[in-house]
Structure formats: C-alpha cells, structure tokens
Amino acid sequence: FSTFFLVVLCFHQRGFRYFYPYLWGDFKQIKEDINSLLAKKLPDSSPKGLAATVQGLGLGALSIVILSGIAWFFLWLQQSPFALEARSIHKSLTILIEIYIYGHGGLGIIHFIIWKKSKNK
C-alpha cells in the first residue's frame, strides 16, 4: 500500500507533464539531455528531462502492477474464476518492474562512468 501512496504523491506533487512531457509533444528538455549525453556530459536533473522521464516510466510500471494486484486480490476475495487469470496477468506485469530496475541500474552505472571520467580530467 505504501507504494500506491508514493505513486499518488509523486503525481500530485509534480503532475503528469513533469514525468511524461512527450505525451504533450514536449521533447525540448529530453533532446537537450540526450545531446548532453552524446557530448559525454551529464545533464542536470530537470523537469521534463530524461531523468524525470525515466522516473515516470518506473512510476507507470509500478502503477500497472499495483492495479493488476488490486484486481487480482478482489477477484480472489470473491472466489471468482477469473482470479487465476488475474494472478497470471499480475505476475507477467511484474516483469516491467524488473526491466525498470535493470535499466535504471544500467543507466546509473553509465552515469557513474561518465562522472568519473569527467572528474579525472
């Protein structure tokens, strides 16, 4: 339940445009961040930027897994024949969280390598 409140709090404090600017056709900050990375410079964490977008992907994955888990729980409580299917869907969707964790970890390692190289210059 605490994860649900984290997601709600993040969206309430920042709004959807902060995490998903591309849904409104706003690619300006993301392009600037990518250009910085291509120039081997670390971009600052900024609203509507690459870091916020990556965080938004994680929040989206969490939201989908939470909603599928809630659906499974209520179907299970009602002893619905659909409970097993909901469980299967929920377990499949948890792969999104795993992908996010690996991707986020990989980006963190790249971030550290670039930071270390720029510090040694």
N, C-alpha and C. Protein backbone atom coordinates (compact mmCIF):
# COMPACT_ATOMS: atom_id res chain seq x y z
N PHE A 1 0.82 -1.20 0.00
CA PHE A 1 0.00 0.00 0.00
C PHE A 1 0.85 1.26 0.00
N SER A 2 2.03 1.18 0.62
CA SER A 2 2.90 2.36 0.67
C SER A 2 3.37 2.75 -0.73
N THR A 3 3.54 1.78 -1.60
CA THR A 3 3.95 2.08 -2.98
C THR A 3 2.87 2.86 -3.70
N PHE A 4 1.62 2.50 -3.47
CA PHE A 4 0.50 3.22 -4.07
C PHE A 4 0.53 4.68 -3.65
N PHE A 5 0.77 4.93 -2.36
CA PHE A 5 0.81 6.31 -1.87
C PHE A 5 2.01 7.07 -2.44
N LEU A 6 3.12 6.38 -2.65
CA LEU A 6 4.28 7.00 -3.28
C LEU A 6 3.94 7.48 -4.68
N VAL A 7 3.28 6.62 -5.46
CA VAL A 7 2.91 6.98 -6.83
C VAL A 7 1.96 8.17 -6.83
N VAL A 8 0.93 8.11 -5.97
CA VAL A 8 -0.05 9.20 -5.89
C VAL A 8 0.64 10.50 -5.47
N LEU A 9 1.53 10.43 -4.49
CA LEU A 9 2.24 11.61 -4.02
C LEU A 9 3.11 12.22 -5.12
N CYS A 10 3.82 11.39 -5.84
CA CYS A 10 4.68 11.89 -6.93
C CYS A 10 3.85 12.60 -8.00
N PHE A 11 2.75 11.98 -8.41
CA PHE A 11 1.91 12.60 -9.44
C PHE A 11 1.23 13.86 -8.91
N HIS A 12 0.86 13.85 -7.63
CA HIS A 12 0.21 15.03 -7.05
C HIS A 12 1.19 16.21 -6.95
N GLN A 13 2.42 15.93 -6.52
CA GLN A 13 3.41 16.99 -6.35
C GLN A 13 3.91 17.55 -7.67
N ARG A 14 4.12 16.70 -8.65
CA ARG A 14 4.77 17.12 -9.89
C ARG A 14 3.81 17.22 -11.08
N GLY A 15 2.79 16.41 -11.10
CA GLY A 15 1.88 16.39 -12.23
C GLY A 15 2.39 15.46 -13.32
N PHE A 16 1.50 15.07 -14.21
CA PHE A 16 1.85 14.12 -15.27
C PHE A 16 2.82 14.71 -16.28
N ARG A 17 2.72 16.00 -16.55
CA ARG A 17 3.60 16.61 -17.57
C ARG A 17 5.06 16.58 -17.15
N TYR A 18 5.32 16.56 -15.86
CA TYR A 18 6.69 16.51 -15.35
C TYR A 18 7.35 15.19 -15.76
N PHE A 19 6.60 14.09 -15.65
CA PHE A 19 7.14 12.77 -15.92
C PHE A 19 6.93 12.30 -17.36
N TYR A 20 5.89 12.81 -18.02
CA TYR A 20 5.54 12.36 -19.36
C TYR A 20 5.37 13.53 -20.33
N PRO A 21 6.39 14.38 -20.50
CA PRO A 21 6.22 15.55 -21.37
C PRO A 21 5.97 15.17 -22.83
N TYR A 22 6.47 14.01 -23.23
CA TYR A 22 6.33 13.56 -24.62
C TYR A 22 4.87 13.29 -24.99
N LEU A 23 4.02 13.03 -24.00
CA LEU A 23 2.60 12.83 -24.30
C LEU A 23 1.93 14.12 -24.75
N TRP A 24 2.54 15.26 -24.44
CA TRP A 24 2.05 16.57 -24.87
C TRP A 24 2.91 17.13 -26.00
N GLY A 25 3.77 16.29 -26.57
CA GLY A 25 4.61 16.72 -27.68
C GLY A 25 5.79 17.59 -27.27
N ASP A 26 6.11 17.61 -25.99
CA ASP A 26 7.20 18.44 -25.47
C ASP A 26 8.47 17.60 -25.34
N PHE A 27 9.34 17.72 -26.33
CA PHE A 27 10.58 16.94 -26.35
C PHE A 27 11.82 17.81 -26.11
N LYS A 28 11.62 19.10 -25.86
CA LYS A 28 12.74 20.05 -25.79
C LYS A 28 13.79 19.63 -24.76
N GLN A 29 13.38 19.43 -23.51
CA GLN A 29 14.34 19.11 -22.45
C GLN A 29 14.95 17.72 -22.66
N ILE A 30 14.16 16.78 -23.13
CA ILE A 30 14.68 15.44 -23.38
C ILE A 30 15.76 15.49 -24.46
N LYS A 31 15.52 16.26 -25.52
CA LYS A 31 16.53 16.41 -26.59
C LYS A 31 17.80 17.05 -26.05
N GLU A 32 17.65 18.08 -25.21
CA GLU A 32 18.82 18.73 -24.61
C GLU A 32 19.62 17.75 -23.76
N ASP A 33 18.91 16.94 -22.98
CA ASP A 33 19.59 15.96 -22.14
C ASP A 33 20.31 14.90 -22.98
N ILE A 34 19.68 14.44 -24.04
CA ILE A 34 20.31 13.45 -24.92
C ILE A 34 21.53 14.05 -25.61
N ASN A 35 21.42 15.30 -26.05
CA ASN A 35 22.58 15.97 -26.67
C ASN A 35 23.72 16.11 -25.68
N SER A 36 23.41 16.40 -24.42
CA SER A 36 24.45 16.48 -23.39
C SER A 36 25.14 15.12 -23.23
N LEU A 37 24.34 14.06 -23.19
CA LEU A 37 24.92 12.72 -23.06
C LEU A 37 25.79 12.36 -24.25
N LEU A 38 25.33 12.72 -25.45
CA LEU A 38 26.13 12.44 -26.65
C LEU A 38 27.44 13.21 -26.65
N ALA A 39 27.44 14.37 -25.98
CA ALA A 39 28.67 15.15 -25.84
C ALA A 39 29.48 14.69 -24.62
N LYS A 40 29.07 13.55 -24.03
CA LYS A 40 29.73 12.97 -22.86
C LYS A 40 29.71 13.90 -21.66
N LYS A 41 28.61 14.62 -21.52
CA LYS A 41 28.38 15.48 -20.35
C LYS A 41 27.11 15.00 -19.67
N LEU A 42 27.12 15.04 -18.35
CA LEU A 42 25.93 14.63 -17.62
C LEU A 42 24.93 15.78 -17.55
N PRO A 43 23.70 15.53 -17.98
CA PRO A 43 22.70 16.58 -17.87
C PRO A 43 22.23 16.72 -16.42
N ASP A 44 21.84 17.92 -16.07
CA ASP A 44 21.27 18.13 -14.75
C ASP A 44 19.88 17.51 -14.72
N SER A 45 19.47 17.09 -13.55
CA SER A 45 18.11 16.59 -13.39
C SER A 45 17.17 17.78 -13.46
N SER A 46 16.26 17.74 -14.40
CA SER A 46 15.36 18.89 -14.59
C SER A 46 13.96 18.41 -14.93
N PRO A 47 12.96 19.26 -14.66
CA PRO A 47 11.60 18.89 -15.03
C PRO A 47 11.50 18.60 -16.52
N LYS A 48 10.75 17.60 -16.86
CA LYS A 48 10.51 17.20 -18.25
C LYS A 48 11.75 16.66 -18.94
N GLY A 49 12.80 16.40 -18.17
CA GLY A 49 14.05 15.91 -18.75
C GLY A 49 14.12 14.39 -18.75
N LEU A 50 15.28 13.91 -19.11
CA LEU A 50 15.49 12.47 -19.24
C LEU A 50 15.34 11.75 -17.89
N ALA A 51 15.90 12.32 -16.84
CA ALA A 51 15.80 11.69 -15.52
C ALA A 51 14.34 11.61 -15.06
N ALA A 52 13.59 12.69 -15.26
CA ALA A 52 12.17 12.70 -14.89
C ALA A 52 11.38 11.70 -15.72
N THR A 53 11.74 11.57 -16.99
CA THR A 53 11.05 10.63 -17.87
C THR A 53 11.33 9.19 -17.44
N VAL A 54 12.56 8.89 -17.07
CA VAL A 54 12.90 7.55 -16.59
C VAL A 54 12.14 7.27 -15.29
N GLN A 55 12.07 8.26 -14.41
CA GLN A 55 11.30 8.09 -13.18
C GLN A 55 9.82 7.86 -13.50
N GLY A 56 9.32 8.57 -14.50
CA GLY A 56 7.93 8.38 -14.92
C GLY A 56 7.66 6.98 -15.43
N LEU A 57 8.63 6.40 -16.14
CA LEU A 57 8.47 5.02 -16.61
C LEU A 57 8.38 4.06 -15.43
N GLY A 58 9.18 4.31 -14.41
CA GLY A 58 9.12 3.48 -13.20
C GLY A 58 7.79 3.63 -12.48
N LEU A 59 7.31 4.86 -12.38
CA LEU A 59 6.02 5.10 -11.74
C LEU A 59 4.89 4.45 -12.54
N GLY A 60 5.00 4.50 -13.85
CA GLY A 60 3.99 3.86 -14.70
C GLY A 60 3.98 2.35 -14.50
N ALA A 61 5.17 1.76 -14.47
CA ALA A 61 5.28 0.31 -14.25
C ALA A 61 4.71 -0.07 -12.88
N LEU A 62 5.05 0.71 -11.86
CA LEU A 62 4.50 0.46 -10.52
C LEU A 62 2.99 0.57 -10.52
N SER A 63 2.45 1.57 -11.19
CA SER A 63 1.00 1.78 -11.22
C SER A 63 0.29 0.59 -11.85
N ILE A 64 0.83 0.11 -12.96
CA ILE A 64 0.20 -1.02 -13.65
C ILE A 64 0.24 -2.28 -12.77
N VAL A 65 1.36 -2.51 -12.12
CA VAL A 65 1.48 -3.69 -11.26
C VAL A 65 0.56 -3.56 -10.05
N ILE A 66 0.47 -2.37 -9.47
CA ILE A 66 -0.42 -2.16 -8.32
C ILE A 66 -1.87 -2.41 -8.72
N LEU A 67 -2.30 -1.84 -9.84
CA LEU A 67 -3.69 -2.00 -10.27
C LEU A 67 -4.02 -3.46 -10.58
N SER A 68 -3.09 -4.16 -11.22
CA SER A 68 -3.35 -5.57 -11.52
C SER A 68 -3.38 -6.40 -10.24
N GLY A 69 -2.55 -6.04 -9.27
CA GLY A 69 -2.55 -6.74 -7.98
C GLY A 69 -3.83 -6.51 -7.20
N ILE A 70 -4.34 -5.29 -7.25
CA ILE A 70 -5.61 -4.98 -6.59
C ILE A 70 -6.75 -5.77 -7.24
N ALA A 71 -6.75 -5.80 -8.57
CA ALA A 71 -7.79 -6.55 -9.29
C ALA A 71 -7.73 -8.04 -8.91
N TRP A 72 -6.52 -8.59 -8.90
CA TRP A 72 -6.35 -9.99 -8.53
C TRP A 72 -6.86 -10.24 -7.11
N PHE A 73 -6.50 -9.35 -6.17
CA PHE A 73 -6.90 -9.50 -4.77
C PHE A 73 -8.42 -9.53 -4.63
N PHE A 74 -9.11 -8.59 -5.27
CA PHE A 74 -10.56 -8.54 -5.14
C PHE A 74 -11.24 -9.72 -5.84
N LEU A 75 -10.70 -10.15 -6.96
CA LEU A 75 -11.25 -11.33 -7.62
C LEU A 75 -11.03 -12.58 -6.76
N TRP A 76 -9.89 -12.65 -6.11
CA TRP A 76 -9.60 -13.77 -5.22
C TRP A 76 -10.55 -13.77 -4.02
N LEU A 77 -10.80 -12.58 -3.43
CA LEU A 77 -11.72 -12.48 -2.30
C LEU A 77 -13.12 -12.96 -2.68
N GLN A 78 -13.52 -12.68 -3.89
CA GLN A 78 -14.85 -13.07 -4.36
C GLN A 78 -14.88 -14.50 -4.89
N GLN A 79 -13.76 -15.18 -4.83
CA GLN A 79 -13.60 -16.54 -5.34
C GLN A 79 -14.05 -16.63 -6.80
N SER A 80 -13.68 -15.61 -7.55
CA SER A 80 -14.03 -15.54 -8.96
C SER A 80 -13.19 -16.53 -9.77
N PRO A 81 -13.77 -17.11 -10.80
CA PRO A 81 -12.98 -17.98 -11.67
C PRO A 81 -11.91 -17.20 -12.45
N PHE A 82 -12.03 -15.88 -12.48
CA PHE A 82 -11.06 -15.05 -13.18
C PHE A 82 -9.84 -14.71 -12.32
N ALA A 83 -9.86 -15.12 -11.05
CA ALA A 83 -8.76 -14.79 -10.13
C ALA A 83 -7.43 -15.36 -10.61
N LEU A 84 -7.44 -16.59 -11.10
CA LEU A 84 -6.18 -17.19 -11.57
C LEU A 84 -5.64 -16.47 -12.80
N GLU A 85 -6.54 -16.05 -13.68
CA GLU A 85 -6.10 -15.30 -14.86
C GLU A 85 -5.54 -13.94 -14.44
N ALA A 86 -6.20 -13.29 -13.47
CA ALA A 86 -5.72 -12.00 -12.97
C ALA A 86 -4.35 -12.17 -12.32
N ARG A 87 -4.16 -13.28 -11.60
CA ARG A 87 -2.86 -13.56 -10.99
C ARG A 87 -1.78 -13.72 -12.05
N SER A 88 -2.11 -14.44 -13.10
CA SER A 88 -1.16 -14.65 -14.19
C SER A 88 -0.78 -13.33 -14.85
N ILE A 89 -1.77 -12.49 -15.09
CA ILE A 89 -1.51 -11.17 -15.68
C ILE A 89 -0.63 -10.34 -14.75
N HIS A 90 -0.96 -10.35 -13.46
CA HIS A 90 -0.18 -9.58 -12.48
C HIS A 90 1.27 -10.05 -12.45
N LYS A 91 1.48 -11.36 -12.43
CA LYS A 91 2.84 -11.89 -12.41
C LYS A 91 3.59 -11.52 -13.69
N SER A 92 2.90 -11.52 -14.81
CA SER A 92 3.54 -11.13 -16.08
C SER A 92 3.92 -9.65 -16.07
N LEU A 93 3.07 -8.83 -15.49
CA LEU A 93 3.34 -7.39 -15.47
C LEU A 93 4.48 -7.01 -14.53
N THR A 94 4.78 -7.86 -13.55
CA THR A 94 5.90 -7.55 -12.66
C THR A 94 7.23 -7.54 -13.41
N ILE A 95 7.24 -8.13 -14.60
CA ILE A 95 8.44 -8.08 -15.44
C ILE A 95 8.79 -6.63 -15.77
N LEU A 96 7.76 -5.77 -15.89
CA LEU A 96 8.01 -4.35 -16.14
C LEU A 96 8.87 -3.73 -15.04
N ILE A 97 8.61 -4.12 -13.80
CA ILE A 97 9.40 -3.60 -12.68
C ILE A 97 10.83 -4.12 -12.78
N GLU A 98 10.99 -5.39 -13.12
CA GLU A 98 12.33 -5.95 -13.27
C GLU A 98 13.11 -5.23 -14.37
N ILE A 99 12.46 -5.02 -15.50
CA ILE A 99 13.12 -4.31 -16.61
C ILE A 99 13.52 -2.91 -16.16
N TYR A 100 12.64 -2.25 -15.43
CA TYR A 100 12.94 -0.90 -14.94
C TYR A 100 14.15 -0.93 -14.01
N ILE A 101 14.18 -1.88 -13.10
CA ILE A 101 15.29 -1.96 -12.15
C ILE A 101 16.62 -2.19 -12.88
N TYR A 102 16.63 -3.12 -13.84
CA TYR A 102 17.86 -3.38 -14.60
C TYR A 102 18.25 -2.16 -15.44
N GLY A 103 17.27 -1.57 -16.10
CA GLY A 103 17.55 -0.40 -16.93
C GLY A 103 18.03 0.77 -16.11
N HIS A 104 17.38 1.00 -14.99
CA HIS A 104 17.75 2.11 -14.12
C HIS A 104 19.15 1.88 -13.55
N GLY A 105 19.42 0.64 -13.17
CA GLY A 105 20.76 0.31 -12.68
C GLY A 105 21.82 0.51 -13.75
N GLY A 106 21.51 0.09 -14.97
CA GLY A 106 22.45 0.28 -16.09
C GLY A 106 22.71 1.75 -16.37
N LEU A 107 21.64 2.54 -16.35
CA LEU A 107 21.82 3.98 -16.55
C LEU A 107 22.63 4.60 -15.42
N GLY A 108 22.43 4.09 -14.21
CA GLY A 108 23.20 4.57 -13.07
C GLY A 108 24.69 4.28 -13.22
N ILE A 109 25.01 3.11 -13.73
CA ILE A 109 26.41 2.74 -13.97
C ILE A 109 27.02 3.63 -15.04
N ILE A 110 26.28 3.85 -16.13
CA ILE A 110 26.75 4.75 -17.19
C ILE A 110 26.97 6.15 -16.62
N HIS A 111 26.03 6.60 -15.81
CA HIS A 111 26.13 7.92 -15.17
C HIS A 111 27.41 8.01 -14.35
N PHE A 112 27.68 6.97 -13.56
CA PHE A 112 28.88 6.95 -12.72
C PHE A 112 30.15 6.97 -13.56
N ILE A 113 30.18 6.19 -14.65
CA ILE A 113 31.37 6.13 -15.52
C ILE A 113 31.65 7.49 -16.14
N ILE A 114 30.61 8.13 -16.65
CA ILE A 114 30.78 9.46 -17.25
C ILE A 114 31.24 10.46 -16.20
N TRP A 115 30.65 10.41 -15.01
CA TRP A 115 31.04 11.31 -13.92
C TRP A 115 32.50 11.09 -13.53
N LYS A 116 32.89 9.83 -13.43
CA LYS A 116 34.27 9.50 -13.03
C LYS A 116 35.27 9.99 -14.08
N LYS A 117 34.95 9.81 -15.38
CA LYS A 117 35.85 10.27 -16.43
C LYS A 117 35.96 11.79 -16.44
N SER A 118 34.84 12.48 -16.23
CA SER A 118 34.89 13.95 -16.24
C SER A 118 35.62 14.48 -15.01
N LYS A 119 35.57 13.76 -13.91
CA LYS A 119 36.25 14.17 -12.68
C LYS A 119 37.76 14.01 -12.82
N ASN A 120 38.21 13.01 -13.56
CA ASN A 120 39.64 12.73 -13.71
C ASN A 120 40.32 13.64 -14.73
N LYS A 121 39.55 14.41 -15.48
CA LYS A 121 40.17 15.29 -16.49
C LYS A 121 40.73 16.53 -15.87
